[in-house]
Amino acid sequence: MAHIISYLVVGFFVGLIARVVLPGADHMGILATTIVGIIGSLIGGFIGRLIKKPVEGSKFHSTGIVLSIVGAIILLLVLRRF
């Protein structure tokens, strides 16, 4: 249960930071911002694994939070396009 709560909290902050970095008229509430952050983290993790494989046994990628924000920005750009 603690993992789910931490995913939601981190997802919210990642989505919030992405929305601040990429200003615009996004009509999203807390739930949509959190979902953007969580999906952005998944996109960022995918990008990170393409660049460099994480050290075996580690839970996090070395550039995890940065790539999570980049992934959320990419997702926001895609959402704005459609």
Protein backbone atom coordinates (compact mmCIF):
# COMPACT_ATOMS: atom_id res chain seq x y z
CA MET A 1 0.00 0.00 0.00
CA ALA A 2 2.87 2.37 0.75
CA HIS A 3 4.20 1.90 -2.79
CA ILE A 4 0.91 2.97 -4.32
CA ILE A 5 0.81 6.11 -2.20
CA SER A 6 4.40 6.97 -3.08
CA TYR A 7 3.64 6.46 -6.81
CA LEU A 8 0.70 8.83 -6.51
CA VAL A 9 2.68 11.48 -4.62
CA VAL A 10 5.69 11.32 -6.95
CA GLY A 11 3.38 11.22 -9.98
CA PHE A 12 1.57 14.33 -8.79
CA PHE A 13 4.80 16.29 -8.29
CA VAL A 14 6.28 15.11 -11.60
CA GLY A 15 3.08 16.14 -13.40
CA LEU A 16 3.02 19.45 -11.58
CA ILE A 17 6.64 20.24 -12.45
CA ALA A 18 6.00 19.28 -16.09
CA ARG A 19 3.01 21.61 -16.23
CA VAL A 20 5.07 24.45 -14.74
CA VAL A 21 7.94 23.89 -17.18
CA LEU A 22 5.50 23.73 -20.11
CA PRO A 23 3.00 26.51 -19.41
CA GLY A 24 -0.26 26.67 -21.26
CA ALA A 25 -3.99 26.30 -20.92
CA ASP A 26 -4.18 22.75 -19.60
CA HIS A 27 -7.52 22.30 -17.93
CA MET A 28 -6.52 19.48 -15.60
CA GLY A 29 -7.31 18.75 -12.03
CA ILE A 30 -5.25 16.95 -9.43
CA LEU A 31 -6.20 13.51 -10.75
CA ALA A 32 -5.25 14.29 -14.37
CA THR A 33 -1.97 15.90 -13.25
CA THR A 34 -1.15 12.79 -11.22
CA ILE A 35 -1.94 10.49 -14.15
CA VAL A 36 0.25 12.59 -16.46
CA GLY A 37 3.07 12.33 -13.91
CA ILE A 38 2.75 8.57 -13.52
CA ILE A 39 2.56 7.88 -17.26
CA GLY A 40 5.37 10.39 -17.81
CA SER A 41 7.49 8.45 -15.34
CA LEU A 42 6.87 5.27 -17.32
CA ILE A 43 7.86 7.06 -20.55
CA GLY A 44 10.95 8.49 -18.85
CA GLY A 45 11.90 5.05 -17.53
CA PHE A 46 11.61 3.62 -21.02
CA ILE A 47 13.84 6.39 -22.41
CA GLY A 48 16.33 5.84 -19.59
CA ARG A 49 16.56 2.12 -20.29
CA LEU A 50 17.20 2.86 -23.97
CA ILE A 51 20.09 5.16 -23.05
CA LYS A 52 21.68 3.06 -20.30
CA LYS A 53 20.69 -0.07 -18.45
CA PRO A 54 20.35 0.44 -14.68
CA VAL A 55 22.82 -1.19 -12.34
CA GLU A 56 21.71 -4.71 -11.49
CA GLY A 57 19.84 -4.86 -8.21
CA SER A 58 19.08 -1.13 -8.06
CA LYS A 59 15.49 -0.01 -7.72
CA PHE A 60 15.92 3.32 -9.48
CA HIS A 61 17.61 4.61 -12.60
CA SER A 62 20.32 7.19 -11.96
CA THR A 63 18.43 9.93 -13.82
CA GLY A 64 14.95 8.81 -12.81
CA ILE A 65 13.30 12.04 -11.69
CA VAL A 66 14.73 14.09 -14.57
CA LEU A 67 13.61 11.59 -17.19
CA SER A 68 10.23 11.30 -15.46
CA ILE A 69 9.73 15.04 -15.92
CA VAL A 70 10.93 14.79 -19.55
CA GLY A 71 8.48 11.94 -20.13
CA ALA A 72 5.63 13.95 -18.61
CA ILE A 73 6.51 16.94 -20.82
CA ILE A 74 6.47 14.67 -23.88
CA LEU A 75 3.08 13.32 -22.81
CA LEU A 76 1.71 16.85 -22.32
CA LEU A 77 2.90 17.82 -25.80
CA VAL A 78 1.18 14.76 -27.27
CA LEU A 79 -2.03 15.49 -25.33
CA ARG A 80 -2.03 19.09 -26.56
CA ARG A 81 -1.61 17.92 -30.12
CA PHE A 82 -4.72 15.71 -30.01
